[in-house]
C-alpha atoms as a PDB file:
ATOM      1  CA  MET A   1     -16.665  14.248   9.554  1.00  0.00           C
ATOM      2  CA  ASP A   2     -19.861  13.142  11.277  1.00  0.00           C
ATOM      3  CA  LYS A   3     -20.012  10.645  14.155  1.00  0.00           C
ATOM      4  CA  ALA A   4     -20.968   7.665  11.960  1.00  0.00           C
ATOM      5  CA  ASN A   5     -18.036   8.266   9.608  1.00  0.00           C
ATOM      6  CA  LYS A   6     -15.652   8.743  12.551  1.00  0.00           C
ATOM      7  CA  THR A   7     -16.825   5.421  13.987  1.00  0.00           C
ATOM      8  CA  LYS A   8     -16.422   3.716  10.620  1.00  0.00           C
ATOM      9  CA  GLN A   9     -12.894   5.121  10.249  1.00  0.00           C
ATOM     10  CA  LYS A  10     -12.046   4.003  13.789  1.00  0.00           C
ATOM     11  CA  ILE A  11     -13.224   0.489  12.917  1.00  0.00           C
ATOM     12  CA  LEU A  12     -11.188   0.463   9.683  1.00  0.00           C
ATOM     13  CA  ILE A  13      -8.018   1.487  11.521  1.00  0.00           C
ATOM     14  CA  ALA A  14      -8.593  -1.181  14.169  1.00  0.00           C
ATOM     15  CA  ALA A  15      -9.372  -3.796  11.504  1.00  0.00           C
ATOM     16  CA  LYS A  16      -6.177  -2.900   9.637  1.00  0.00           C
ATOM     17  CA  HIS A  17      -4.197  -3.556  12.794  1.00  0.00           C
ATOM     18  CA  VAL A  18      -5.984  -6.814  13.706  1.00  0.00           C
ATOM     19  CA  PHE A  19      -5.861  -8.214  10.155  1.00  0.00           C
ATOM     20  CA  ALA A  20      -2.156  -7.344   9.912  1.00  0.00           C
ATOM     21  CA  GLN A  21      -1.348  -8.931  13.278  1.00  0.00           C
ATOM     22  CA  ASN A  22      -3.442 -12.082  12.900  1.00  0.00           C
ATOM     23  CA  GLY A  23      -4.062 -12.512   9.184  1.00  0.00           C
ATOM     24  CA  TYR A  24      -7.522 -12.650   7.675  1.00  0.00           C
ATOM     25  CA  TRP A  25      -8.338 -16.192   8.761  1.00  0.00           C
ATOM     26  CA  ASP A  26      -7.430 -15.740  12.433  1.00  0.00           C
ATOM     27  CA  ALA A  27      -8.817 -12.223  12.858  1.00  0.00           C
ATOM     28  CA  THR A  28     -12.208 -12.096  14.557  1.00  0.00           C
ATOM     29  CA  ILE A  29     -14.982  -9.538  14.617  1.00  0.00           C
ATOM     30  CA  LYS A  30     -14.754  -9.607  18.409  1.00  0.00           C
ATOM     31  CA  ALA A  31     -11.025  -8.748  18.318  1.00  0.00           C
ATOM     32  CA  ILE A  32     -11.653  -5.908  15.851  1.00  0.00           C
ATOM     33  CA  ALA A  33     -14.492  -4.505  17.995  1.00  0.00           C
ATOM     34  CA  THR A  34     -12.263  -4.687  21.068  1.00  0.00           C
ATOM     35  CA  GLU A  35      -9.396  -2.951  19.257  1.00  0.00           C
ATOM     36  CA  ALA A  36     -11.766  -0.234  18.001  1.00  0.00           C
ATOM     37  CA  ASP A  37     -13.412   0.036  21.431  1.00  0.00           C
ATOM     38  CA  VAL A  38     -16.893  -0.269  19.910  1.00  0.00           C
ATOM     39  CA  ALA A  39     -19.771  -2.703  20.269  1.00  0.00           C
ATOM     40  CA  ARG A  40     -19.674  -5.667  17.862  1.00  0.00           C
ATOM     41  CA  GLY A  41     -23.049  -4.585  16.515  1.00  0.00           C
ATOM     42  CA  LEU A  42     -21.476  -1.429  15.083  1.00  0.00           C
ATOM     43  CA  LEU A  43     -19.209  -3.550  12.894  1.00  0.00           C
ATOM     44  CA  HIS A  44     -22.244  -5.343  11.502  1.00  0.00           C
ATOM     45  CA  TYR A  45     -24.014  -2.007  11.056  1.00  0.00           C
ATOM     46  CA  HIS A  46     -21.176  -0.531   8.967  1.00  0.00           C
ATOM     47  CA  PHE A  47     -19.981  -3.690   7.184  1.00  0.00           C
ATOM     48  CA  LYS A  48     -21.954  -6.591   5.708  1.00  0.00           C
ATOM     49  CA  SER A  49     -19.422  -9.256   6.639  1.00  0.00           C
ATOM     50  CA  LYS A  50     -15.820  -9.941   7.590  1.00  0.00           C
ATOM     51  CA  GLU A  51     -15.052 -10.114   3.850  1.00  0.00           C
ATOM     52  CA  ASP A  52     -16.636  -6.704   3.304  1.00  0.00           C
ATOM     53  CA  LEU A  53     -14.660  -5.214   6.201  1.00  0.00           C
ATOM     54  CA  TYR A  54     -11.436  -6.694   4.815  1.00  0.00           C
ATOM     55  CA  ILE A  55     -12.145  -5.236   1.377  1.00  0.00           C
ATOM     56  CA  GLN A  56     -13.020  -1.841   2.853  1.00  0.00           C
ATOM     57  CA  VAL A  57      -9.738  -1.807   4.788  1.00  0.00           C
ATOM     58  CA  PHE A  58      -7.929  -2.031   1.450  1.00  0.00           C
ATOM     59  CA  ARG A  59     -10.120   0.655  -0.132  1.00  0.00           C
ATOM     60  CA  PHE A  60      -9.275   2.832   2.871  1.00  0.00           C
ATOM     61  CA  LEU A  61      -5.535   2.052   2.613  1.00  0.00           C
ATOM     62  CA  TYR A  62      -5.268   2.631  -1.112  1.00  0.00           C
ATOM     63  CA  GLY A  63      -7.424   5.751  -0.950  1.00  0.00           C
ATOM     64  CA  GLU A  64      -5.834   7.336   2.074  1.00  0.00           C
ATOM     65  CA  SER A  65      -2.241   6.299   2.624  1.00  0.00           C
ATOM     66  CA  LEU A  66      -1.107   4.717  -0.608  1.00  0.00           C
ATOM     67  CA  GLY A  67      -2.574   7.162  -3.081  1.00  0.00           C
ATOM     68  CA  PRO A  68      -0.445   7.327  -6.229  1.00  0.00           C
ATOM     69  CA  SER A  69      -1.286  11.002  -6.736  1.00  0.00           C
ATOM     70  CA  ALA A  70       1.301  11.664  -4.015  1.00  0.00           C
ATOM     71  CA  MET A  71       3.960  10.493  -6.490  1.00  0.00           C
ATOM     72  CA  ASP A  72       3.584  13.599  -8.612  1.00  0.00           C
ATOM     73  CA  GLN A  73       3.104  15.899  -5.616  1.00  0.00           C
ATOM     74  CA  THR A  74       6.555  15.350  -4.147  1.00  0.00           C
ATOM     75  CA  GLY A  75       7.888  18.632  -5.500  1.00  0.00           C
ATOM     76  CA  ALA A  76      10.671  16.729  -7.246  1.00  0.00           C
ATOM     77  CA  GLY A  77      12.193  18.580 -10.177  1.00  0.00           C
ATOM     78  CA  SER A  78      14.232  15.719 -11.590  1.00  0.00           C
ATOM     79  CA  ALA A  79      14.415  11.950 -11.828  1.00  0.00           C
ATOM     80  CA  SER A  80      17.172  11.959  -9.201  1.00  0.00           C
ATOM     81  CA  GLU A  81      15.088  13.937  -6.737  1.00  0.00           C
ATOM     82  CA  LEU A  82      12.016  11.773  -7.349  1.00  0.00           C
ATOM     83  CA  ALA A  83      14.036   8.567  -6.873  1.00  0.00           C
ATOM     84  CA  ALA A  84      15.525   9.910  -3.619  1.00  0.00           C
ATOM     85  CA  ILE A  85      12.142  11.015  -2.240  1.00  0.00           C
ATOM     86  CA  LEU A  86      10.332   7.793  -3.167  1.00  0.00           C
ATOM     87  CA  THR A  87      13.144   5.630  -1.757  1.00  0.00           C
ATOM     88  CA  PHE A  88      13.062   7.569   1.504  1.00  0.00           C
ATOM     89  CA  VAL A  89       9.262   7.415   1.779  1.00  0.00           C
ATOM     90  CA  PHE A  90       9.167   3.691   0.993  1.00  0.00           C
ATOM     91  CA  ARG A  91      11.931   2.857   3.479  1.00  0.00           C
ATOM     92  CA  GLU A  92      10.293   4.894   6.227  1.00  0.00           C
ATOM     93  CA  SER A  93       6.851   3.442   5.545  1.00  0.00           C
ATOM     94  CA  LEU A  94       8.294  -0.070   5.872  1.00  0.00           C
ATOM     95  CA  ARG A  95       9.979   0.982   9.092  1.00  0.00           C
ATOM     96  CA  HIS A  96       6.973   2.742  10.664  1.00  0.00           C
ATOM     97  CA  ALA A  97       3.944   1.054   9.043  1.00  0.00           C
ATOM     98  CA  PRO A  98       4.915  -2.545   8.297  1.00  0.00           C
ATOM     99  CA  GLU A  99       1.320  -3.638   8.891  1.00  0.00           C
ATOM    100  CA  VAL A 100       0.354  -2.159   5.526  1.00  0.00           C
ATOM    101  CA  TYR A 101       2.747  -4.509   3.772  1.00  0.00           C
ATOM    102  CA  GLN A 102       1.759  -7.446   5.988  1.00  0.00           C
ATOM    103  CA  LEU A 103      -1.837  -6.863   4.869  1.00  0.00           C
ATOM    104  CA  ILE A 104      -0.885  -6.685   1.218  1.00  0.00           C
ATOM    105  CA  TYR A 105       1.018  -9.968   1.363  1.00  0.00           C
ATOM    106  CA  ASP A 106      -1.706 -11.676   3.411  1.00  0.00           C
ATOM    107  CA  SER A 107      -4.249 -10.642   0.787  1.00  0.00           C
ATOM    108  CA  PHE A 108      -2.588 -12.882  -1.811  1.00  0.00           C
ATOM    109  CA  SER A 109      -3.541 -16.030   0.106  1.00  0.00           C
ATOM    110  CA  VAL A 110      -6.995 -14.692   0.965  1.00  0.00           C
ATOM    111  CA  MET A 111      -7.654 -13.972  -2.714  1.00  0.00           C
ATOM    112  CA  ARG A 112      -6.921 -17.584  -3.611  1.00  0.00           C
ATOM    113  CA  GLN A 113      -9.659 -18.830  -1.303  1.00  0.00           C
ATOM    114  CA  CYS A 114     -12.241 -16.056  -1.315  1.00  0.00           C
ATOM    115  CA  LYS A 115     -13.758 -15.056  -4.648  1.00  0.00           C
ATOM    116  CA  ALA A 116     -15.376 -11.844  -3.343  1.00  0.00           C
ATOM    117  CA  VAL A 117     -12.036 -10.631  -1.981  1.00  0.00           C
ATOM    118  CA  SER A 118     -10.277 -11.668  -5.193  1.00  0.00           C
ATOM    119  CA  LEU A 119     -12.671  -9.692  -7.383  1.00  0.00           C
ATOM    120  CA  ALA A 120     -12.561  -6.645  -5.118  1.00  0.00           C
ATOM    121  CA  MET A 121      -8.758  -6.662  -4.915  1.00  0.00           C
ATOM    122  CA  GLN A 122      -8.464  -6.908  -8.692  1.00  0.00           C
ATOM    123  CA  ASP A 123     -10.672  -3.821  -8.887  1.00  0.00           C
ATOM    124  CA  ILE A 124      -8.736  -1.933  -6.177  1.00  0.00           C
ATOM    125  CA  TRP A 125      -5.357  -2.767  -7.703  1.00  0.00           C
ATOM    126  CA  GLY A 126      -6.646  -1.924 -11.172  1.00  0.00           C
ATOM    127  CA  GLU A 127      -7.693   1.525  -9.957  1.00  0.00           C
ATOM    128  CA  TYR A 128      -4.367   1.966  -8.171  1.00  0.00           C
ATOM    129  CA  ARG A 129      -2.414   0.944 -11.267  1.00  0.00           C
ATOM    130  CA  HIS A 130      -4.459   3.283 -13.489  1.00  0.00           C
ATOM    131  CA  GLU A 131      -3.944   6.227 -11.114  1.00  0.00           C
ATOM    132  CA  THR A 132      -0.226   5.471 -10.841  1.00  0.00           C
ATOM    133  CA  VAL A 133       0.134   5.386 -14.632  1.00  0.00           C
ATOM    134  CA  GLN A 134      -1.622   8.765 -14.784  1.00  0.00           C
ATOM    135  CA  ALA A 135       0.737  10.156 -12.123  1.00  0.00           C
ATOM    136  CA  ILE A 136       3.738   8.911 -14.127  1.00  0.00           C
ATOM    137  CA  GLU A 137       2.349  10.509 -17.282  1.00  0.00           C
ATOM    138  CA  ARG A 138       1.949  13.847 -15.471  1.00  0.00           C
ATOM    139  CA  LEU A 139       5.576  13.626 -14.360  1.00  0.00           C
ATOM    140  CA  ILE A 140       6.609  12.951 -17.968  1.00  0.00           C
ATOM    141  CA  GLU A 141       4.574  15.936 -19.187  1.00  0.00           C
ATOM    142  CA  GLN A 142       6.272  18.110 -16.540  1.00  0.00           C
ATOM    143  CA  ASN A 143       9.698  16.853 -17.763  1.00  0.00           C
ATOM    144  CA  VAL A 144      10.508  15.548 -14.287  1.00  0.00           C
ATOM    145  CA  ILE A 145      11.175  12.064 -15.671  1.00  0.00           C
ATOM    146  CA  GLN A 146      11.977  10.709 -19.118  1.00  0.00           C
ATOM    147  CA  PRO A 147      11.682   6.934 -18.955  1.00  0.00           C
ATOM    148  CA  SER A 148      12.819   4.825 -21.894  1.00  0.00           C
ATOM    149  CA  CYS A 149       9.802   2.533 -21.488  1.00  0.00           C
ATOM    150  CA  SER A 150       6.038   3.093 -21.473  1.00  0.00           C
ATOM    151  CA  SER A 151       4.278   4.363 -18.359  1.00  0.00           C
ATOM    152  CA  GLU A 152       2.608   0.965 -17.930  1.00  0.00           C
ATOM    153  CA  VAL A 153       5.939  -0.888 -18.004  1.00  0.00           C
ATOM    154  CA  LEU A 154       7.486   1.669 -15.634  1.00  0.00           C
ATOM    155  CA  VAL A 155       4.658   1.147 -13.132  1.00  0.00           C
ATOM    156  CA  THR A 156       5.036  -2.640 -13.376  1.00  0.00           C
ATOM    157  CA  LEU A 157       8.773  -2.421 -12.672  1.00  0.00           C
ATOM    158  CA  PHE A 158       8.331   0.157  -9.900  1.00  0.00           C
ATOM    159  CA  VAL A 159       5.706  -1.959  -8.117  1.00  0.00           C
ATOM    160  CA  ALA A 160       7.842  -5.097  -8.575  1.00  0.00           C
ATOM    161  CA  ILE A 161      10.790  -3.433  -6.871  1.00  0.00           C
ATOM    162  CA  LEU A 162       8.690  -2.085  -4.012  1.00  0.00           C
ATOM    163  CA  HIS A 163       6.784  -5.307  -3.379  1.00  0.00           C
ATOM    164  CA  GLY A 164       9.871  -7.475  -3.785  1.00  0.00           C
ATOM    165  CA  VAL A 165      11.880  -5.489  -1.272  1.00  0.00           C
ATOM    166  CA  GLY A 166       8.880  -5.093   1.033  1.00  0.00           C
ATOM    167  CA  LEU A 167       8.237  -8.832   1.060  1.00  0.00           C
ATOM    168  CA  GLN A 168      11.835  -9.505   2.016  1.00  0.00           C
ATOM    169  CA  VAL A 169      11.795  -6.887   4.780  1.00  0.00           C
ATOM    170  CA  ILE A 170       8.592  -8.340   6.265  1.00  0.00           C
ATOM    171  CA  GLY A 171       9.361 -11.999   5.598  1.00  0.00           C
ATOM    172  CA  GLU A 172      13.001 -12.018   6.628  1.00  0.00           C
ATOM    173  CA  PRO A 173      13.410  -9.512   9.466  1.00  0.00           C
ATOM    174  CA  GLY A 174      16.723 -11.068  10.496  1.00  0.00           C
ATOM    175  CA  LEU A 175      18.337  -9.654   7.369  1.00  0.00           C
ATOM    176  CA  ASN A 176      17.967  -6.111   8.767  1.00  0.00           C
ATOM    177  CA  LEU A 177      17.372  -4.752   5.275  1.00  0.00           C
ATOM    178  CA  LEU A 178      15.952  -1.494   6.612  1.00  0.00           C
ATOM    179  CA  ASP A 179      19.365  -0.701   8.110  1.00  0.00           C
ATOM    180  CA  ASP A 180      21.332  -1.662   4.988  1.00  0.00           C
ATOM    181  CA  ASN A 181      22.199   1.770   3.575  1.00  0.00           C
ATOM    182  CA  ALA A 182      24.003   0.282   0.567  1.00  0.00           C
ATOM    183  CA  LEU A 183      20.805  -1.567  -0.430  1.00  0.00           C
ATOM    184  CA  TRP A 184      18.722   1.613  -0.271  1.00  0.00           C
ATOM    185  CA  GLU A 185      21.352   3.564  -2.229  1.00  0.00           C
ATOM    186  CA  ASP A 186      21.165   0.874  -4.925  1.00  0.00           C
ATOM    187  CA  ILE A 187      17.354   0.973  -4.941  1.00  0.00           C
ATOM    188  CA  GLU A 188      17.503   4.728  -5.400  1.00  0.00           C
ATOM    189  CA  LYS A 189      19.972   4.304  -8.299  1.00  0.00           C
ATOM    190  CA  GLN A 190      17.727   1.700  -9.951  1.00  0.00           C
ATOM    191  CA  LEU A 191      14.684   3.957  -9.638  1.00  0.00           C
ATOM    192  CA  LYS A 192      16.649   6.865 -11.098  1.00  0.00           C
ATOM    193  CA  GLN A 193      17.611   4.675 -14.067  1.00  0.00           C
ATOM    194  CA  LEU A 194      13.972   3.688 -14.546  1.00  0.00           C
ATOM    195  CA  PHE A 195      12.880   7.315 -14.433  1.00  0.00           C
ATOM    196  CA  GLY A 196      15.463   8.380 -16.989  1.00  0.00           C
ATOM    197  CA  PRO A 197      18.024  11.182 -17.162  1.00  0.00           C
END
């Protein structure tokens, strides 16, 4: 990776942190530059605007850390194994990278007020959904899962479970849901049922 790309990646990581901590509306270019330890001018060099930087943070997140292709690269040989692995990964990502989920939930309000962000997020989520459906279909072809519903419906239900639980973990930290082993056992069971026998 060349120096310009390293700088851009450094800015994206800093922006992810600042946007997650402060929300889009309260995050500033100055705070992001400080977090990235770069001159403010470099942010303007790499990104057209705060909106563009925000959008690129999501492209970075969905391309790097949330890639659905990982779903069919778990090494799982059965629906039970896949449900166990995905439950573990999701729980640990909420525990160790809650800022990703804070960003996702913040983006809903930003989308309502910023058309450019709304259009870009629809595109990003559309790509993510398409790739996740393809990953599910590969798992079906490999006989790892045998869902009773279509791949599209399975992805909708899977995302609903993950976002619903994630929103509660982030929004209601006093519930200590990350430490509720019975909850995570039930989530794993529900995923296994979705994935089939």
